C-alpha atoms as a PDB file:
ATOM      1  CA  MET A   1     146.499  92.271  92.678  1.00  0.00           C
ATOM      2  CA  ARG A   2     150.016  90.949  93.046  1.00  0.00           C
ATOM      3  CA  PRO A   3     152.809  93.431  92.115  1.00  0.00           C
ATOM      4  CA  ARG A   4     154.021  93.030  88.561  1.00  0.00           C
ATOM      5  CA  PRO A   5     157.615  93.994  87.734  1.00  0.00           C
ATOM      6  CA  THR A   6     158.585  95.194  84.278  1.00  0.00           C
ATOM      7  CA  ARG A   7     158.811  92.466  81.657  1.00  0.00           C
ATOM      8  CA  VAL A   8     162.339  91.620  80.548  1.00  0.00           C
ATOM      9  CA  PRO A   9     162.213  89.980  77.090  1.00  0.00           C
ATOM     10  CA  ASN A  10     164.522  87.071  76.318  1.00  0.00           C
ATOM     11  CA  PRO A  11     166.409  88.229  73.216  1.00  0.00           C
ATOM     12  CA  THR A  12     167.660  84.731  72.381  1.00  0.00           C
ATOM     13  CA  LEU A  13     164.216  83.285  71.703  1.00  0.00           C
ATOM     14  CA  PRO A  14     162.320  84.477  68.605  1.00  0.00           C
ATOM     15  CA  THR A  15     158.607  84.982  69.200  1.00  0.00           C
ATOM     16  CA  ARG A  16     155.871  85.920  66.762  1.00  0.00           C
ATOM     17  CA  VAL A  17     153.635  88.273  68.762  1.00  0.00           C
ATOM     18  CA  VAL A  18     150.124  89.471  68.010  1.00  0.00           C
ATOM     19  CA  HIS A  19     148.639  92.020  70.429  1.00  0.00           C
ATOM     20  CA  ALA A  20     145.049  91.358  71.344  1.00  0.00           C
ATOM     21  CA  GLY A  21     143.940  94.945  70.848  1.00  0.00           C
ATOM     22  CA  ALA A  22     144.166  94.572  67.036  1.00  0.00           C
ATOM     23  CA  PRO A  23     141.018  93.614  65.106  1.00  0.00           C
ATOM     24  CA  LEU A  24     140.719  89.891  64.569  1.00  0.00           C
ATOM     25  CA  ALA A  25     141.091  90.034  60.809  1.00  0.00           C
ATOM     26  CA  VAL A  26     144.214  92.175  61.019  1.00  0.00           C
ATOM     27  CA  ALA A  27     145.672  89.987  63.762  1.00  0.00           C
ATOM     28  CA  ALA A  28     145.111  86.835  61.746  1.00  0.00           C
ATOM     29  CA  LEU A  29     146.684  88.430  58.678  1.00  0.00           C
ATOM     30  CA  ILE A  30     149.730  89.589  60.620  1.00  0.00           C
ATOM     31  CA  ALA A  31     150.166  86.148  62.165  1.00  0.00           C
ATOM     32  CA  ALA A  32     149.870  84.468  58.769  1.00  0.00           C
ATOM     33  CA  LEU A  33     152.398  86.818  57.192  1.00  0.00           C
ATOM     34  CA  LEU A  34     154.884  86.467  60.030  1.00  0.00           C
ATOM     35  CA  THR A  35     154.609  82.701  60.077  1.00  0.00           C
ATOM     36  CA  GLY A  36     154.779  82.472  56.306  1.00  0.00           C
ATOM     37  CA  CYS A  37     157.981  84.493  56.232  1.00  0.00           C
ATOM     38  CA  SER A  38     159.691  82.507  58.948  1.00  0.00           C
ATOM     39  CA  THR A  39     158.534  78.906  58.482  1.00  0.00           C
ATOM     40  CA  GLY A  40     156.418  78.607  55.342  1.00  0.00           C
ATOM     41  CA  SER A  41     153.784  76.812  57.417  1.00  0.00           C
ATOM     42  CA  ASP A  42     150.169  77.143  56.289  1.00  0.00           C
ATOM     43  CA  TRP A  43     147.910  76.914  59.315  1.00  0.00           C
ATOM     44  CA  SER A  44     144.779  77.095  57.172  1.00  0.00           C
ATOM     45  CA  GLN A  45     145.079  73.402  56.310  1.00  0.00           C
ATOM     46  CA  PRO A  46     144.896  70.525  58.810  1.00  0.00           C
ATOM     47  CA  HIS A  47     147.912  68.323  59.480  1.00  0.00           C
ATOM     48  CA  PRO A  48     148.010  65.138  57.413  1.00  0.00           C
ATOM     49  CA  GLY A  49     148.221  62.305  59.919  1.00  0.00           C
ATOM     50  CA  PRO A  50     148.820  62.298  63.692  1.00  0.00           C
ATOM     51  CA  VAL A  51     150.427  65.181  65.577  1.00  0.00           C
ATOM     52  CA  ALA A  52     152.032  62.923  68.228  1.00  0.00           C
ATOM     53  CA  VAL A  53     155.192  60.856  67.929  1.00  0.00           C
ATOM     54  CA  GLY A  54     155.609  57.977  70.408  1.00  0.00           C
ATOM     55  CA  ALA A  55     153.453  57.214  73.440  1.00  0.00           C
ATOM     56  CA  LEU A  56     153.115  57.964  77.138  1.00  0.00           C
ATOM     57  CA  ASP A  57     155.211  55.701  79.356  1.00  0.00           C
ATOM     58  CA  VAL A  58     153.691  53.356  81.925  1.00  0.00           C
ATOM     59  CA  GLY A  59     153.083  55.291  85.117  1.00  0.00           C
ATOM     60  CA  PHE A  60     152.138  58.592  83.480  1.00  0.00           C
ATOM     61  CA  VAL A  61     148.510  58.147  84.412  1.00  0.00           C
ATOM     62  CA  ALA A  62     148.670  57.597  88.164  1.00  0.00           C
ATOM     63  CA  PRO A  63     147.342  56.731  90.671  1.00  0.00           C
ATOM     64  CA  ASP A  64     144.245  55.726  88.655  1.00  0.00           C
ATOM     65  CA  PRO A  65     144.959  54.318  85.156  1.00  0.00           C
ATOM     66  CA  THR A  66     141.536  55.541  83.990  1.00  0.00           C
ATOM     67  CA  PRO A  67     141.163  59.011  85.522  1.00  0.00           C
ATOM     68  CA  THR A  68     137.743  60.598  85.614  1.00  0.00           C
ATOM     69  CA  PRO A  69     137.168  64.076  84.149  1.00  0.00           C
ATOM     70  CA  GLU A  70     138.606  66.835  86.358  1.00  0.00           C
ATOM     71  CA  ALA A  71     140.752  64.294  88.220  1.00  0.00           C
ATOM     72  CA  THR A  72     144.323  65.042  89.303  1.00  0.00           C
ATOM     73  CA  ILE A  73     146.993  62.677  88.020  1.00  0.00           C
ATOM     74  CA  VAL A  74     150.563  62.482  89.319  1.00  0.00           C
ATOM     75  CA  PRO A  75     152.854  61.176  86.556  1.00  0.00           C
ATOM     76  CA  GLY A  76     156.038  59.373  87.523  1.00  0.00           C
ATOM     77  CA  PRO A  77     159.185  61.418  86.772  1.00  0.00           C
ATOM     78  CA  GLY A  78     160.081  61.265  83.101  1.00  0.00           C
ATOM     79  CA  THR A  79     157.021  59.233  82.070  1.00  0.00           C
ATOM     80  CA  TRP A  80     156.247  61.958  79.551  1.00  0.00           C
ATOM     81  CA  ASP A  81     159.591  61.607  77.735  1.00  0.00           C
ATOM     82  CA  GLY A  82     158.352  58.887  75.364  1.00  0.00           C
ATOM     83  CA  ILE A  83     155.921  61.142  73.512  1.00  0.00           C
ATOM     84  CA  SER A  84     156.578  64.356  71.623  1.00  0.00           C
ATOM     85  CA  PRO A  85     154.874  66.563  69.060  1.00  0.00           C
ATOM     86  CA  ARG A  86     155.568  66.091  65.384  1.00  0.00           C
ATOM     87  CA  GLU A  87     157.821  68.697  63.763  1.00  0.00           C
ATOM     88  CA  GLY A  88     155.780  71.795  62.984  1.00  0.00           C
ATOM     89  CA  TYR A  89     153.194  71.149  65.724  1.00  0.00           C
ATOM     90  CA  ARG A  90     151.137  74.336  65.856  1.00  0.00           C
ATOM     91  CA  VAL A  91     150.877  76.076  69.200  1.00  0.00           C
ATOM     92  CA  VAL A  92     149.446  79.458  70.161  1.00  0.00           C
ATOM     93  CA  LEU A  93     150.712  80.852  73.453  1.00  0.00           C
ATOM     94  CA  VAL A  94     148.291  83.318  75.028  1.00  0.00           C
ATOM     95  CA  THR A  95     149.807  85.289  77.867  1.00  0.00           C
ATOM     96  CA  SER A  96     148.920  88.169  80.151  1.00  0.00           C
ATOM     97  CA  GLY A  97     150.954  89.772  82.911  1.00  0.00           C
ATOM     98  CA  ASP A  98     154.476  91.039  83.509  1.00  0.00           C
ATOM     99  CA  ASP A  99     154.952  89.267  86.843  1.00  0.00           C
ATOM    100  CA  GLU A 100     157.941  86.976  87.216  1.00  0.00           C
ATOM    101  CA  PRO A 101     155.944  83.703  87.499  1.00  0.00           C
ATOM    102  CA  THR A 102     154.127  84.406  84.235  1.00  0.00           C
ATOM    103  CA  GLN A 103     157.361  85.312  82.463  1.00  0.00           C
ATOM    104  CA  ALA A 104     158.974  82.117  83.747  1.00  0.00           C
ATOM    105  CA  LEU A 105     156.129  80.161  82.148  1.00  0.00           C
ATOM    106  CA  VAL A 106     156.446  82.082  78.883  1.00  0.00           C
ATOM    107  CA  THR A 107     160.175  81.343  78.744  1.00  0.00           C
ATOM    108  CA  ALA A 108     159.536  77.656  79.428  1.00  0.00           C
ATOM    109  CA  VAL A 109     157.053  77.461  76.546  1.00  0.00           C
ATOM    110  CA  GLN A 110     159.427  79.278  74.194  1.00  0.00           C
ATOM    111  CA  GLU A 111     162.368  77.037  75.068  1.00  0.00           C
ATOM    112  CA  TRP A 112     160.245  73.884  74.728  1.00  0.00           C
ATOM    113  CA  ALA A 113     158.959  75.034  71.326  1.00  0.00           C
ATOM    114  CA  GLN A 114     162.465  75.772  70.114  1.00  0.00           C
ATOM    115  CA  ALA A 115     163.776  72.393  71.282  1.00  0.00           C
ATOM    116  CA  GLU A 116     160.879  70.461  69.705  1.00  0.00           C
ATOM    117  CA  ASP A 117     160.704  72.389  66.390  1.00  0.00           C
ATOM    118  CA  VAL A 118     157.222  73.575  67.296  1.00  0.00           C
ATOM    119  CA  ASP A 119     155.615  76.301  65.189  1.00  0.00           C
ATOM    120  CA  LEU A 120     154.834  78.810  67.949  1.00  0.00           C
ATOM    121  CA  ARG A 121     152.789  81.988  67.726  1.00  0.00           C
ATOM    122  CA  THR A 122     152.127  84.306  70.648  1.00  0.00           C
ATOM    123  CA  VAL A 123     149.164  86.519  71.542  1.00  0.00           C
ATOM    124  CA  VAL A 124     149.694  89.037  74.346  1.00  0.00           C
ATOM    125  CA  ALA A 125     146.716  90.475  76.244  1.00  0.00           C
ATOM    126  CA  ASP A 126     147.908  93.921  77.286  1.00  0.00           C
ATOM    127  CA  SER A 127     144.890  94.913  79.380  1.00  0.00           C
ATOM    128  CA  PRO A 128     141.856  93.321  81.081  1.00  0.00           C
ATOM    129  CA  ALA A 129     139.713  94.306  78.090  1.00  0.00           C
ATOM    130  CA  ASP A 130     141.975  92.213  75.851  1.00  0.00           C
ATOM    131  CA  LEU A 131     141.644  88.915  77.738  1.00  0.00           C
ATOM    132  CA  VAL A 132     138.664  87.424  75.894  1.00  0.00           C
ATOM    133  CA  PRO A 133     139.675  88.937  72.512  1.00  0.00           C
ATOM    134  CA  SER A 134     143.145  87.421  72.923  1.00  0.00           C
ATOM    135  CA  LEU A 135     141.628  83.952  73.242  1.00  0.00           C
ATOM    136  CA  SER A 136     139.378  84.638  70.256  1.00  0.00           C
ATOM    137  CA  GLU A 137     142.437  85.580  68.202  1.00  0.00           C
ATOM    138  CA  ALA A 138     144.151  82.385  69.280  1.00  0.00           C
ATOM    139  CA  LEU A 139     141.117  80.330  68.255  1.00  0.00           C
ATOM    140  CA  ALA A 140     141.046  82.018  64.851  1.00  0.00           C
ATOM    141  CA  MET A 141     144.608  80.823  64.182  1.00  0.00           C
ATOM    142  CA  ARG A 142     143.446  77.171  64.266  1.00  0.00           C
ATOM    143  CA  GLY A 143     146.464  75.758  66.069  1.00  0.00           C
ATOM    144  CA  ASP A 144     146.800  72.233  67.361  1.00  0.00           C
ATOM    145  CA  LEU A 145     147.022  73.540  70.932  1.00  0.00           C
ATOM    146  CA  ILE A 146     146.452  76.804  72.796  1.00  0.00           C
ATOM    147  CA  ILE A 147     148.637  77.270  75.881  1.00  0.00           C
ATOM    148  CA  SER A 148     147.609  79.800  78.512  1.00  0.00           C
ATOM    149  CA  ALA A 149     150.136  81.498  80.817  1.00  0.00           C
ATOM    150  CA  GLY A 150     149.001  84.057  83.367  1.00  0.00           C
ATOM    151  CA  GLU A 151     146.409  84.035  86.133  1.00  0.00           C
ATOM    152  CA  ASP A 152     144.314  86.776  84.513  1.00  0.00           C
ATOM    153  CA  LEU A 153     143.387  84.371  81.714  1.00  0.00           C
ATOM    154  CA  VAL A 154     141.884  81.684  83.959  1.00  0.00           C
ATOM    155  CA  ASP A 155     138.329  83.033  84.153  1.00  0.00           C
ATOM    156  CA  PRO A 156     138.103  84.071  80.465  1.00  0.00           C
ATOM    157  CA  LEU A 157     139.476  80.681  79.445  1.00  0.00           C
ATOM    158  CA  ALA A 158     136.802  78.889  81.462  1.00  0.00           C
ATOM    159  CA  ILE A 159     134.161  80.721  79.423  1.00  0.00           C
ATOM    160  CA  VAL A 160     135.756  80.444  75.988  1.00  0.00           C
ATOM    161  CA  SER A 161     136.923  76.831  76.177  1.00  0.00           C
ATOM    162  CA  ALA A 162     133.464  75.486  77.024  1.00  0.00           C
ATOM    163  CA  ASN A 163     132.154  76.911  73.753  1.00  0.00           C
ATOM    164  CA  HIS A 164     134.951  75.485  71.591  1.00  0.00           C
ATOM    165  CA  LEU A 165     135.150  71.801  72.467  1.00  0.00           C
ATOM    166  CA  ASP A 166     137.058  70.937  69.286  1.00  0.00           C
ATOM    167  CA  GLN A 167     140.070  73.024  70.397  1.00  0.00           C
ATOM    168  CA  GLN A 168     142.594  71.674  72.899  1.00  0.00           C
ATOM    169  CA  PHE A 169     143.791  74.018  75.662  1.00  0.00           C
ATOM    170  CA  LEU A 170     146.624  73.669  78.172  1.00  0.00           C
ATOM    171  CA  VAL A 171     146.832  75.881  81.271  1.00  0.00           C
ATOM    172  CA  VAL A 172     150.261  75.989  82.913  1.00  0.00           C
ATOM    173  CA  GLY A 173     150.777  77.122  86.503  1.00  0.00           C
ATOM    174  CA  ALA A 174     147.029  77.430  87.107  1.00  0.00           C
ATOM    175  CA  GLU A 175     143.791  75.556  86.486  1.00  0.00           C
ATOM    176  CA  ILE A 176     140.123  76.225  85.888  1.00  0.00           C
ATOM    177  CA  ALA A 177     137.560  75.068  88.411  1.00  0.00           C
ATOM    178  CA  GLU A 178     135.359  72.920  86.155  1.00  0.00           C
ATOM    179  CA  PRO A 179     137.294  72.030  83.000  1.00  0.00           C
ATOM    180  CA  THR A 180     135.658  70.475  79.998  1.00  0.00           C
ATOM    181  CA  ALA A 181     137.385  67.551  78.296  1.00  0.00           C
ATOM    182  CA  ASN A 182     139.382  69.899  76.052  1.00  0.00           C
ATOM    183  CA  VAL A 183     141.093  71.753  78.923  1.00  0.00           C
ATOM    184  CA  THR A 184     144.143  70.233  80.616  1.00  0.00           C
ATOM    185  CA  ALA A 185     146.151  71.893  83.392  1.00  0.00           C
ATOM    186  CA  ALA A 186     149.732  71.386  84.548  1.00  0.00           C
ATOM    187  CA  ASP A 187     150.155  72.475  88.138  1.00  0.00           C
ATOM    188  CA  TRP A 188     152.079  72.057  91.396  1.00  0.00           C
ATOM    189  CA  SER A 189     152.123  73.138  95.037  1.00  0.00           C
ATOM    190  CA  GLY A 190     152.609  76.891  95.104  1.00  0.00           C
ATOM    191  CA  ALA A 191     150.623  77.473  91.916  1.00  0.00           C
ATOM    192  CA  SER A 192     147.129  76.077  91.141  1.00  0.00           C
ATOM    193  CA  TYR A 193     145.224  79.380  90.939  1.00  0.00           C
ATOM    194  CA  ARG A 194     141.607  78.557  89.983  1.00  0.00           C
ATOM    195  CA  GLY A 195     139.985  81.909  89.276  1.00  0.00           C
ATOM    196  CA  GLU A 196     138.336  84.834  91.038  1.00  0.00           C
ATOM    197  CA  GLY A 197     136.550  83.814  94.208  1.00  0.00           C
ATOM    198  CA  LEU A 198     138.272  80.421  94.284  1.00  0.00           C
ATOM    199  CA  GLY A 199     141.909  81.361  94.810  1.00  0.00           C
ATOM    200  CA  SER A 200     144.464  78.563  94.836  1.00  0.00           C
ATOM    201  CA  ALA A 201     144.182  74.916  95.750  1.00  0.00           C
ATOM    202  CA  SER A 202     147.464  75.397  97.601  1.00  0.00           C
ATOM    203  CA  THR A 203     149.347  78.336  99.102  1.00  0.00           C
ATOM    204  CA  TYR A 204     150.587  80.640  96.360  1.00  0.00           C
ATOM    205  CA  ASP A 205     154.380  80.809  96.187  1.00  0.00           C
ATOM    206  CA  PRO A 206     156.009  82.837  93.379  1.00  0.00           C
ATOM    207  CA  ALA A 207     159.347  81.185  94.196  1.00  0.00           C
ATOM    208  CA  SER A 208     157.891  77.825  93.126  1.00  0.00           C
ATOM    209  CA  PHE A 209     157.887  78.980  89.489  1.00  0.00           C
ATOM    210  CA  THR A 210     161.441  77.833  88.904  1.00  0.00           C
ATOM    211  CA  PRO A 211     162.760  77.253  85.357  1.00  0.00           C
ATOM    212  CA  ASP A 212     162.970  73.511  86.008  1.00  0.00           C
ATOM    213  CA  ARG A 213     159.432  73.173  87.367  1.00  0.00           C
ATOM    214  CA  CYS A 214     157.934  75.360  84.629  1.00  0.00           C
ATOM    215  CA  ALA A 215     159.740  73.306  81.984  1.00  0.00           C
ATOM    216  CA  ARG A 216     158.460  70.040  83.506  1.00  0.00           C
ATOM    217  CA  ALA A 217     154.929  71.419  83.659  1.00  0.00           C
ATOM    218  CA  VAL A 218     154.979  72.387  79.993  1.00  0.00           C
ATOM    219  CA  ARG A 219     156.383  69.041  78.854  1.00  0.00           C
ATOM    220  CA  ALA A 220     154.116  66.936  81.069  1.00  0.00           C
ATOM    221  CA  GLY A 221     151.052  68.989  80.146  1.00  0.00           C
ATOM    222  CA  VAL A 222     151.701  68.779  76.417  1.00  0.00           C
ATOM    223  CA  ALA A 223     152.395  65.043  76.762  1.00  0.00           C
ATOM    224  CA  ALA A 224     148.977  64.580  78.365  1.00  0.00           C
ATOM    225  CA  VAL A 225     147.306  66.375  75.463  1.00  0.00           C
ATOM    226  CA  LEU A 226     149.283  64.403  72.870  1.00  0.00           C
ATOM    227  CA  GLY A 227     148.442  61.164  74.677  1.00  0.00           C
ATOM    228  CA  GLU A 228     144.744  62.144  74.815  1.00  0.00           C
ATOM    229  CA  VAL A 229     144.673  62.277  78.620  1.00  0.00           C
ATOM    230  CA  THR A 230     142.765  65.540  78.696  1.00  0.00           C
ATOM    231  CA  GLY A 231     140.350  67.352  80.969  1.00  0.00           C
ATOM    232  CA  VAL A 232     142.553  66.565  83.986  1.00  0.00           C
ATOM    233  CA  VAL A 233     145.108  68.291  86.205  1.00  0.00           C
ATOM    234  CA  VAL A 234     148.668  67.019  85.713  1.00  0.00           C
ATOM    235  CA  TRP A 235     150.501  67.487  89.018  1.00  0.00           C
ATOM    236  CA  VAL A 236     154.276  67.943  88.660  1.00  0.00           C
ATOM    237  CA  ASP A 237     155.597  68.444  92.205  1.00  0.00           C
END
């Protein structure tokens, strides 16, 4: 287990947090109340119309314009800038771990959500026993997208996502070994953890989790989901 320093919250970024240890009904109620107070958004009803604005630029899907499932694509720089989520896009961030790489990913998601007027809710798995329940809580919220940040969530996500094919997932800074079409990963050299017994596709480097790279991974990964290029690894070196 890699050492995990104490988490330092970012006081400038508001986050609605539900801890995974709470019962599902209570967690869903708390999330609904918090979101209702802050945004007035009702997640119980589907969005009318599309959730994406714009389109992926030419060169996003490369080198193969029709990637196969589980393929790795290498988008050209900035080819994800032409597509964005509609205002109020519903995202649940599920996170586990106090290590610096995980917190860098969390900050990147928060800053992206704030910049794009995304309706963000957060579920924190405080212990190993909370990993699967945290994903169940996220599923119960019925968001447009569930984003996973933290290596501990990779194996539980591989199990949960395969049983919920109607829910889109995005893994940032890691990937699952055999993703279904609803699981997209955004990764780079120095990250790419694939679960227990598989390790990383490249040498793990905590220093590679820079604010810039984490931000690019979030934006490129979300762009892939919005553009319906899913079930692949988006490489952002």
